[in-house]
Amino acid sequence: MTRLAVTGHRGLSDETSSLISAALHIEINKHTNSELVGLSCLADGADTLFAQAILDHGGALHVIVPAQKYRDGLPAQHHPSYDALIGQAVEIVRLDHVESNPDAHMDASLYMLAEADELVAVWDGQPARDYGGTADVVSAARDQGIPVTVVWPVGAERD
């Protein structure tokens, strides 16, 4: 069994989302020779693109919900995608946080890392904009000796 966790940027343009989706499918396809589990918080952007790619490749989706108010803190236009994907999860872990804030998000990422064999980071290589951002999760994975695969295709742009 291969357990892949994801971290990555949110608020991606349609063009960047298409580039990242294609790159994630290529990366995930490398792991389809074993039972595949994807760990995601299902935020808009990289988390959702990763979760869909896991499902497209026949993998099992495990969702980590950082806080009780997590969905409420996501963009309203993302709610249908979030709801559809969480409905396809074979496992849902809900952390004890109430508010959806950087501490809750980092705790969810650390939970994923504890369960993962590898981290897939949809990352432009820049520092995190807030605590618990992509760079922080990549750093935590590296500190723990978890392999990190960075996915940032040519032409991708971050807002």
C-alpha atoms as a PDB file:
ATOM      1  CA  MET A   1       0.000   0.000   0.000  1.00  0.00           C
ATOM      2  CA  THR A   2       1.221   3.501  -0.843  1.00  0.00           C
ATOM      3  CA  ARG A   3      -0.132   6.405   1.192  1.00  0.00           C
ATOM      4  CA  LEU A   4       0.325   9.820  -0.417  1.00  0.00           C
ATOM      5  CA  ALA A   5      -0.455  13.058   1.424  1.00  0.00           C
ATOM      6  CA  VAL A   6      -0.868  16.394  -0.314  1.00  0.00           C
ATOM      7  CA  THR A   7      -0.067  19.986   0.429  1.00  0.00           C
ATOM      8  CA  GLY A   8      -0.306  22.821  -2.015  1.00  0.00           C
ATOM      9  CA  HIS A   9      -1.488  26.204  -3.068  1.00  0.00           C
ATOM     10  CA  ARG A  10      -5.066  27.432  -3.154  1.00  0.00           C
ATOM     11  CA  GLY A  11      -6.750  30.041  -5.312  1.00  0.00           C
ATOM     12  CA  LEU A  12      -5.314  28.734  -8.567  1.00  0.00           C
ATOM     13  CA  SER A  13      -6.361  30.070 -11.964  1.00  0.00           C
ATOM     14  CA  ASP A  14      -8.147  27.739 -14.372  1.00  0.00           C
ATOM     15  CA  GLU A  15      -5.036  27.534 -16.559  1.00  0.00           C
ATOM     16  CA  THR A  16      -2.747  26.696 -13.635  1.00  0.00           C
ATOM     17  CA  SER A  17      -5.299  24.191 -12.312  1.00  0.00           C
ATOM     18  CA  SER A  18      -5.292  22.390 -15.662  1.00  0.00           C
ATOM     19  CA  LEU A  19      -1.485  22.235 -15.725  1.00  0.00           C
ATOM     20  CA  ILE A  20      -1.328  20.963 -12.150  1.00  0.00           C
ATOM     21  CA  SER A  21      -4.092  18.431 -12.677  1.00  0.00           C
ATOM     22  CA  ALA A  22      -2.225  16.930 -15.630  1.00  0.00           C
ATOM     23  CA  ALA A  23       1.048  16.861 -13.660  1.00  0.00           C
ATOM     24  CA  LEU A  24      -0.664  15.229 -10.663  1.00  0.00           C
ATOM     25  CA  HIS A  25      -2.146  12.512 -12.867  1.00  0.00           C
ATOM     26  CA  ILE A  26       1.339  11.747 -14.201  1.00  0.00           C
ATOM     27  CA  GLU A  27       2.810  11.652 -10.685  1.00  0.00           C
ATOM     28  CA  ILE A  28       0.034   9.513  -9.212  1.00  0.00           C
ATOM     29  CA  ASN A  29       0.204   7.120 -12.145  1.00  0.00           C
ATOM     30  CA  LYS A  30       3.723   6.230 -10.971  1.00  0.00           C
ATOM     31  CA  HIS A  31       2.175   4.689  -7.844  1.00  0.00           C
ATOM     32  CA  THR A  32      -0.654   2.644  -9.327  1.00  0.00           C
ATOM     33  CA  ASN A  33       1.267  -0.640  -9.089  1.00  0.00           C
ATOM     34  CA  SER A  34       0.172  -0.886  -5.450  1.00  0.00           C
ATOM     35  CA  GLU A  35      -2.936  -0.154  -3.442  1.00  0.00           C
ATOM     36  CA  LEU A  36      -3.119   3.639  -3.382  1.00  0.00           C
ATOM     37  CA  VAL A  37      -4.456   5.874  -0.603  1.00  0.00           C
ATOM     38  CA  GLY A  38      -4.608   9.656  -0.907  1.00  0.00           C
ATOM     39  CA  LEU A  39      -4.756  11.871   2.178  1.00  0.00           C
ATOM     40  CA  SER A  40      -6.241  15.328   1.685  1.00  0.00           C
ATOM     41  CA  CYS A  41      -8.045  18.129   3.521  1.00  0.00           C
ATOM     42  CA  LEU A  42      -9.946  18.960   0.305  1.00  0.00           C
ATOM     43  CA  ALA A  43      -9.196  22.674   0.289  1.00  0.00           C
ATOM     44  CA  ASP A  44      -9.785  24.424  -3.007  1.00  0.00           C
ATOM     45  CA  GLY A  45      -6.827  24.198  -5.347  1.00  0.00           C
ATOM     46  CA  ALA A  46      -4.129  21.558  -5.000  1.00  0.00           C
ATOM     47  CA  ASP A  47      -5.920  19.433  -2.368  1.00  0.00           C
ATOM     48  CA  THR A  48      -8.977  18.968  -4.551  1.00  0.00           C
ATOM     49  CA  LEU A  49      -7.013  18.374  -7.758  1.00  0.00           C
ATOM     50  CA  PHE A  50      -4.976  15.724  -5.943  1.00  0.00           C
ATOM     51  CA  ALA A  51      -8.058  14.050  -4.438  1.00  0.00           C
ATOM     52  CA  GLN A  52      -9.730  13.832  -7.832  1.00  0.00           C
ATOM     53  CA  ALA A  53      -6.579  12.388  -9.410  1.00  0.00           C
ATOM     54  CA  ILE A  54      -6.389   9.753  -6.652  1.00  0.00           C
ATOM     55  CA  LEU A  55      -9.981   8.729  -7.355  1.00  0.00           C
ATOM     56  CA  ASP A  56      -9.414   8.795 -11.129  1.00  0.00           C
ATOM     57  CA  HIS A  57      -6.582   6.286 -10.640  1.00  0.00           C
ATOM     58  CA  GLY A  58      -8.717   3.955  -8.530  1.00  0.00           C
ATOM     59  CA  GLY A  59      -7.218   4.986  -5.208  1.00  0.00           C
ATOM     60  CA  ALA A  60      -8.964   5.370  -1.876  1.00  0.00           C
ATOM     61  CA  LEU A  61      -9.517   8.869  -0.522  1.00  0.00           C
ATOM     62  CA  HIS A  62      -8.954   9.605   3.168  1.00  0.00           C
ATOM     63  CA  VAL A  63     -10.057  13.083   4.229  1.00  0.00           C
ATOM     64  CA  ILE A  64      -8.755  14.991   7.215  1.00  0.00           C
ATOM     65  CA  VAL A  65     -11.101  17.788   8.329  1.00  0.00           C
ATOM     66  CA  PRO A  66      -9.028  20.301  10.311  1.00  0.00           C
ATOM     67  CA  ALA A  67     -11.897  21.952  12.216  1.00  0.00           C
ATOM     68  CA  GLN A  68     -15.641  21.940  12.741  1.00  0.00           C
ATOM     69  CA  LYS A  69     -15.944  25.225  10.804  1.00  0.00           C
ATOM     70  CA  TYR A  70     -13.506  24.185   8.068  1.00  0.00           C
ATOM     71  CA  ARG A  71     -16.024  23.920   5.225  1.00  0.00           C
ATOM     72  CA  ASP A  72     -17.507  27.301   6.178  1.00  0.00           C
ATOM     73  CA  GLY A  73     -14.076  28.873   5.758  1.00  0.00           C
ATOM     74  CA  LEU A  74     -13.658  27.586   2.213  1.00  0.00           C
ATOM     75  CA  PRO A  75     -14.865  29.671  -0.747  1.00  0.00           C
ATOM     76  CA  ALA A  76     -18.606  29.171  -1.304  1.00  0.00           C
ATOM     77  CA  GLN A  77     -18.037  28.218  -4.952  1.00  0.00           C
ATOM     78  CA  HIS A  78     -15.842  25.341  -3.739  1.00  0.00           C
ATOM     79  CA  HIS A  79     -18.514  23.787  -1.493  1.00  0.00           C
ATOM     80  CA  PRO A  80     -20.048  21.559  -4.224  1.00  0.00           C
ATOM     81  CA  SER A  81     -16.625  20.069  -5.070  1.00  0.00           C
ATOM     82  CA  TYR A  82     -15.809  19.623  -1.385  1.00  0.00           C
ATOM     83  CA  ASP A  83     -19.146  17.932  -0.730  1.00  0.00           C
ATOM     84  CA  ALA A  84     -18.805  15.616  -3.730  1.00  0.00           C
ATOM     85  CA  LEU A  85     -15.288  14.541  -2.803  1.00  0.00           C
ATOM     86  CA  ILE A  86     -15.933  14.061   0.907  1.00  0.00           C
ATOM     87  CA  GLY A  87     -18.891  11.923  -0.136  1.00  0.00           C
ATOM     88  CA  GLN A  88     -16.451   9.608  -1.933  1.00  0.00           C
ATOM     89  CA  ALA A  89     -14.022   9.306   0.980  1.00  0.00           C
ATOM     90  CA  VAL A  90     -13.586   5.855   2.483  1.00  0.00           C
ATOM     91  CA  GLU A  91     -12.302   7.411   5.699  1.00  0.00           C
ATOM     92  CA  ILE A  92     -12.933  10.803   7.299  1.00  0.00           C
ATOM     93  CA  VAL A  93     -10.945  11.998  10.305  1.00  0.00           C
ATOM     94  CA  ARG A  94     -12.243  15.113  12.052  1.00  0.00           C
ATOM     95  CA  LEU A  95      -9.763  16.933  14.259  1.00  0.00           C
ATOM     96  CA  ASP A  96     -10.894  18.554  17.519  1.00  0.00           C
ATOM     97  CA  HIS A  97     -10.452  22.174  16.456  1.00  0.00           C
ATOM     98  CA  VAL A  98     -13.551  24.345  16.182  1.00  0.00           C
ATOM     99  CA  GLU A  99     -12.166  27.302  14.218  1.00  0.00           C
ATOM    100  CA  SER A 100     -10.568  26.870  10.812  1.00  0.00           C
ATOM    101  CA  ASN A 101      -7.291  28.695  11.379  1.00  0.00           C
ATOM    102  CA  PRO A 102      -3.576  28.217  10.672  1.00  0.00           C
ATOM    103  CA  ASP A 103      -3.072  26.068  13.785  1.00  0.00           C
ATOM    104  CA  ALA A 104      -5.883  23.719  12.757  1.00  0.00           C
ATOM    105  CA  HIS A 105      -4.543  23.529   9.200  1.00  0.00           C
ATOM    106  CA  MET A 106      -1.003  22.720  10.359  1.00  0.00           C
ATOM    107  CA  ASP A 107      -2.308  20.102  12.785  1.00  0.00           C
ATOM    108  CA  ALA A 108      -4.212  18.475   9.926  1.00  0.00           C
ATOM    109  CA  SER A 109      -1.065  18.478   7.805  1.00  0.00           C
ATOM    110  CA  LEU A 110       0.957  16.933  10.613  1.00  0.00           C
ATOM    111  CA  TYR A 111      -1.733  14.263  11.013  1.00  0.00           C
ATOM    112  CA  MET A 112      -1.472  13.478   7.293  1.00  0.00           C
ATOM    113  CA  LEU A 113       2.310  13.290   7.472  1.00  0.00           C
ATOM    114  CA  ALA A 114       2.092  10.808  10.347  1.00  0.00           C
ATOM    115  CA  GLU A 115      -0.026   8.571   8.108  1.00  0.00           C
ATOM    116  CA  ALA A 116       1.858   9.088   4.835  1.00  0.00           C
ATOM    117  CA  ASP A 117       4.661   7.330   3.011  1.00  0.00           C
ATOM    118  CA  GLU A 118       5.283  10.360   0.820  1.00  0.00           C
ATOM    119  CA  LEU A 119       4.197  13.992   0.490  1.00  0.00           C
ATOM    120  CA  VAL A 120       3.135  15.407  -2.858  1.00  0.00           C
ATOM    121  CA  ALA A 121       3.674  19.164  -2.685  1.00  0.00           C
ATOM    122  CA  VAL A 122       2.043  21.388  -5.281  1.00  0.00           C
ATOM    123  CA  TRP A 123       4.494  24.145  -4.521  1.00  0.00           C
ATOM    124  CA  ASP A 124       6.173  27.008  -6.303  1.00  0.00           C
ATOM    125  CA  GLY A 125       9.127  26.854  -3.892  1.00  0.00           C
ATOM    126  CA  GLN A 126       8.293  30.150  -2.190  1.00  0.00           C
ATOM    127  CA  PRO A 127       7.913  30.689   1.587  1.00  0.00           C
ATOM    128  CA  ALA A 128       4.544  30.117   3.231  1.00  0.00           C
ATOM    129  CA  ARG A 129       2.265  33.154   3.340  1.00  0.00           C
ATOM    130  CA  ASP A 130       0.900  32.116   6.728  1.00  0.00           C
ATOM    131  CA  TYR A 131       1.724  29.511   9.359  1.00  0.00           C
ATOM    132  CA  GLY A 132       0.777  26.065   8.129  1.00  0.00           C
ATOM    133  CA  GLY A 133       1.277  26.950   4.492  1.00  0.00           C
ATOM    134  CA  THR A 134       2.777  24.694   1.870  1.00  0.00           C
ATOM    135  CA  ALA A 135       6.406  25.544   2.660  1.00  0.00           C
ATOM    136  CA  ASP A 136       5.831  24.769   6.360  1.00  0.00           C
ATOM    137  CA  VAL A 137       4.359  21.371   5.537  1.00  0.00           C
ATOM    138  CA  VAL A 138       7.220  20.562   3.159  1.00  0.00           C
ATOM    139  CA  SER A 139       9.708  21.526   5.866  1.00  0.00           C
ATOM    140  CA  ALA A 140       7.937  19.345   8.442  1.00  0.00           C
ATOM    141  CA  ALA A 141       7.950  16.376   6.057  1.00  0.00           C
ATOM    142  CA  ARG A 142      11.644  16.784   5.325  1.00  0.00           C
ATOM    143  CA  ASP A 143      12.401  17.116   9.048  1.00  0.00           C
ATOM    144  CA  GLN A 144      10.611  13.800   9.591  1.00  0.00           C
ATOM    145  CA  GLY A 145      12.441  12.088   6.731  1.00  0.00           C
ATOM    146  CA  ILE A 146       9.292  11.751   4.627  1.00  0.00           C
ATOM    147  CA  PRO A 147      10.041  11.859   0.893  1.00  0.00           C
ATOM    148  CA  VAL A 148       8.665  14.964  -0.830  1.00  0.00           C
ATOM    149  CA  THR A 149       7.776  15.160  -4.503  1.00  0.00           C
ATOM    150  CA  VAL A 150       7.302  18.738  -5.695  1.00  0.00           C
ATOM    151  CA  VAL A 151       4.812  19.261  -8.509  1.00  0.00           C
ATOM    152  CA  TRP A 152       4.952  22.695 -10.141  1.00  0.00           C
ATOM    153  CA  PRO A 153       4.709  22.447 -13.922  1.00  0.00           C
ATOM    154  CA  VAL A 154       6.176  24.973 -16.307  1.00  0.00           C
ATOM    155  CA  GLY A 155       3.649  27.736 -16.869  1.00  0.00           C
ATOM    156  CA  ALA A 156       1.947  27.369 -13.495  1.00  0.00           C
ATOM    157  CA  GLU A 157       1.438  30.635 -11.639  1.00  0.00           C
ATOM    158  CA  ARG A 158       0.400  31.460  -8.108  1.00  0.00           C
ATOM    159  CA  ASP A 159      -1.808  34.471  -7.417  1.00  0.00           C
END
